[in-house]
Amino acid sequence: MPDPYPAAKFLHVFAVILMVGATFINGVIHGQAKGSTPVEASALLKVVLLINRLIMGPSLLLIPLSGYWLMRITNYGLAEGWLSISLVLSLLLLLAYAIRLRLERRLHSIATRSMALQNSVLPAEYNRSFLKAAAIGLGALMMSLAALFLMIFKPF
């Protein structure tokens, strides 16, 4: 019977890479959208929502599932400090994803509404929502990198 460890490790690392990559790409797209017209911002935010649905969401589900699989294979338990912290970070990332998804839908709605009104610039409401989404995105990126560090180095 083949060893399941390499498959579990691959899935786990792949999911983390997808999630960090999607977070970074979303940040770049948001930066472009912020300085764009409502028409361009609406189209860019549609891409962000698509990335969230096709890459970010599935990777955030795969991380704890593959992590649990790895725990079972390697006989690690939650008594391991780095693993407990990783679990908390995963749960916080899911929460950040849910909050940010709501904000990103709001940003898309604001841009689409501005486009329908044929505004040439995004309203102040967009900038306020953007700052909230950016703060959550930066926090999520930091949590992702911390979880990646813990996964690689298992410091305690």
Protein backbone atom coordinates (compact mmCIF):
# COMPACT_ATOMS: atom_id res chain seq x y z
CA MET A 1 0.00 0.00 0.00
CA PRO A 2 1.42 3.43 -0.94
CA ASP A 3 2.46 5.83 1.80
CA PRO A 4 -0.29 8.51 2.19
CA TYR A 5 2.08 11.03 3.81
CA PRO A 6 3.47 12.53 0.55
CA ALA A 7 -0.04 12.99 -0.85
CA ALA A 8 -1.30 14.62 2.35
CA LYS A 9 1.76 16.87 2.58
CA PHE A 10 1.44 17.86 -1.09
CA LEU A 11 -2.25 18.76 -0.68
CA HIS A 12 -1.52 20.75 2.45
CA VAL A 13 1.41 22.71 1.02
CA PHE A 14 -0.41 23.23 -2.30
CA ALA A 15 -3.48 24.61 -0.50
CA VAL A 16 -1.33 27.01 1.54
CA ILE A 17 0.48 28.22 -1.58
CA LEU A 18 -2.85 28.73 -3.38
CA MET A 19 -4.26 30.66 -0.46
CA VAL A 20 -1.21 32.92 -0.04
CA GLY A 21 -1.05 33.46 -3.80
CA ALA A 22 -4.75 34.27 -4.04
CA THR A 23 -4.42 36.71 -1.13
CA PHE A 24 -1.52 38.47 -2.85
CA ILE A 25 -3.27 38.56 -6.25
CA ASN A 26 -6.47 39.89 -4.67
CA GLY A 27 -4.43 42.67 -3.05
CA VAL A 28 -2.89 43.64 -6.38
CA ILE A 29 -6.27 43.65 -8.11
CA HIS A 30 -7.81 45.69 -5.29
CA GLY A 31 -5.01 48.23 -5.66
CA GLN A 32 -5.80 48.53 -9.36
CA ALA A 33 -9.54 48.80 -8.71
CA LYS A 34 -9.13 51.55 -6.11
CA GLY A 35 -7.64 53.94 -8.64
CA SER A 36 -9.95 52.96 -11.49
CA THR A 37 -13.22 54.18 -12.88
CA PRO A 38 -16.39 52.50 -11.62
CA VAL A 39 -16.61 50.47 -14.85
CA GLU A 40 -13.06 49.15 -14.46
CA ALA A 41 -13.43 48.64 -10.69
CA SER A 42 -16.62 46.62 -11.18
CA ALA A 43 -14.89 44.34 -13.69
CA LEU A 44 -11.79 43.94 -11.51
CA LEU A 45 -13.83 43.17 -8.40
CA LYS A 46 -15.75 40.56 -10.34
CA VAL A 47 -12.38 38.85 -10.92
CA VAL A 48 -11.60 39.09 -7.18
CA LEU A 49 -14.92 37.43 -6.35
CA LEU A 50 -14.16 34.71 -8.90
CA ILE A 51 -10.70 34.11 -7.39
CA ASN A 52 -12.32 33.87 -3.97
CA ARG A 53 -14.87 31.33 -5.15
CA LEU A 54 -12.54 29.17 -7.24
CA ILE A 55 -9.22 29.40 -5.38
CA MET A 56 -9.39 31.06 -1.98
CA GLY A 57 -12.47 29.32 -0.56
CA PRO A 58 -11.49 25.79 -1.61
CA SER A 59 -7.91 26.26 -0.39
CA LEU A 60 -9.13 27.51 3.00
CA LEU A 61 -11.21 24.35 3.34
CA LEU A 62 -8.44 22.08 2.12
CA ILE A 63 -5.87 23.44 4.59
CA PRO A 64 -7.56 22.17 7.78
CA LEU A 65 -8.75 18.95 6.10
CA SER A 66 -5.30 18.04 4.83
CA GLY A 67 -3.81 19.23 8.12
CA TYR A 68 -6.07 16.87 10.03
CA TRP A 69 -5.06 14.07 7.65
CA LEU A 70 -1.39 14.86 8.33
CA MET A 71 -2.06 14.88 12.07
CA ARG A 72 -3.54 11.41 11.84
CA ILE A 73 -0.71 10.06 9.68
CA THR A 74 2.11 11.51 11.79
CA ASN A 75 0.46 10.94 15.18
CA TYR A 76 0.82 14.60 16.10
CA GLY A 77 -1.76 16.01 18.50
CA LEU A 78 -3.02 19.39 19.57
CA ALA A 79 -0.62 19.24 22.51
CA GLU A 80 2.04 20.33 20.02
CA GLY A 81 2.22 24.11 20.45
CA TRP A 82 2.87 24.90 16.80
CA LEU A 83 -0.07 22.74 15.74
CA SER A 84 -2.49 24.37 18.18
CA ILE A 85 -1.44 27.82 16.97
CA SER A 86 -1.79 26.68 13.35
CA LEU A 87 -5.32 25.49 14.04
CA VAL A 88 -6.26 28.81 15.63
CA LEU A 89 -4.74 30.65 12.66
CA SER A 90 -6.74 28.47 10.25
CA LEU A 91 -9.95 29.27 12.08
CA LEU A 92 -9.11 32.97 12.11
CA LEU A 93 -8.37 32.81 8.37
CA LEU A 94 -11.81 31.30 7.74
CA LEU A 95 -13.37 34.12 9.77
CA ALA A 96 -11.32 36.75 7.92
CA TYR A 97 -12.36 35.18 4.61
CA ALA A 98 -16.04 35.37 5.52
CA ILE A 99 -15.78 39.01 6.64
CA ARG A 100 -13.66 40.05 3.69
CA LEU A 101 -15.92 38.26 1.22
CA ARG A 102 -18.81 40.34 2.50
CA LEU A 103 -16.75 43.53 2.13
CA GLU A 104 -15.60 42.57 -1.37
CA ARG A 105 -19.20 41.99 -2.43
CA ARG A 106 -20.02 45.40 -1.01
CA LEU A 107 -17.15 46.98 -2.95
CA HIS A 108 -18.39 45.32 -6.14
CA SER A 109 -21.91 46.54 -5.43
CA ILE A 110 -20.70 50.11 -4.84
CA ALA A 111 -18.65 50.07 -8.05
CA THR A 112 -21.53 48.57 -10.05
CA ARG A 113 -23.99 51.12 -8.64
CA SER A 114 -21.56 53.95 -9.47
CA MET A 115 -21.18 52.53 -12.97
CA ALA A 116 -24.98 52.46 -13.42
CA LEU A 117 -25.17 56.08 -12.30
CA GLN A 118 -22.42 56.83 -14.85
CA ASN A 119 -20.14 58.34 -12.21
CA SER A 120 -16.60 59.00 -13.35
CA VAL A 121 -15.03 58.24 -9.97
CA LEU A 122 -15.73 55.87 -7.12
CA PRO A 123 -17.56 57.42 -4.16
CA ALA A 124 -16.08 57.98 -0.69
CA GLU A 125 -18.13 55.00 0.53
CA TYR A 126 -15.92 52.79 -1.67
CA ASN A 127 -12.73 54.09 -0.04
CA ARG A 128 -14.07 53.49 3.48
CA SER A 129 -15.02 49.90 2.62
CA PHE A 130 -11.72 49.41 0.80
CA LEU A 131 -9.71 50.39 3.89
CA LYS A 132 -11.60 47.82 5.97
CA ALA A 133 -11.06 45.11 3.34
CA ALA A 134 -7.38 46.01 3.00
CA ALA A 135 -6.82 45.75 6.76
CA ILE A 136 -8.47 42.34 6.89
CA GLY A 137 -6.54 41.19 3.80
CA LEU A 138 -3.22 42.29 5.27
CA GLY A 139 -4.05 40.53 8.53
CA ALA A 140 -5.00 37.39 6.62
CA LEU A 141 -1.73 37.49 4.69
CA MET A 142 0.25 37.82 7.93
CA MET A 143 -1.68 34.92 9.49
CA SER A 144 -1.05 32.85 6.36
CA LEU A 145 2.67 33.51 6.46
CA ALA A 146 2.78 32.74 10.19
CA ALA A 147 0.99 29.43 9.59
CA LEU A 148 3.39 28.63 6.77
CA PHE A 149 6.34 29.38 9.07
CA LEU A 150 4.90 27.10 11.75
CA MET A 151 4.26 24.34 9.23
CA ILE A 152 7.83 24.44 7.94
CA PHE A 153 9.83 25.05 11.11
CA LYS A 154 7.64 23.58 13.88
CA PRO A 155 9.42 25.83 16.42
CA PHE A 156 7.75 24.43 19.55
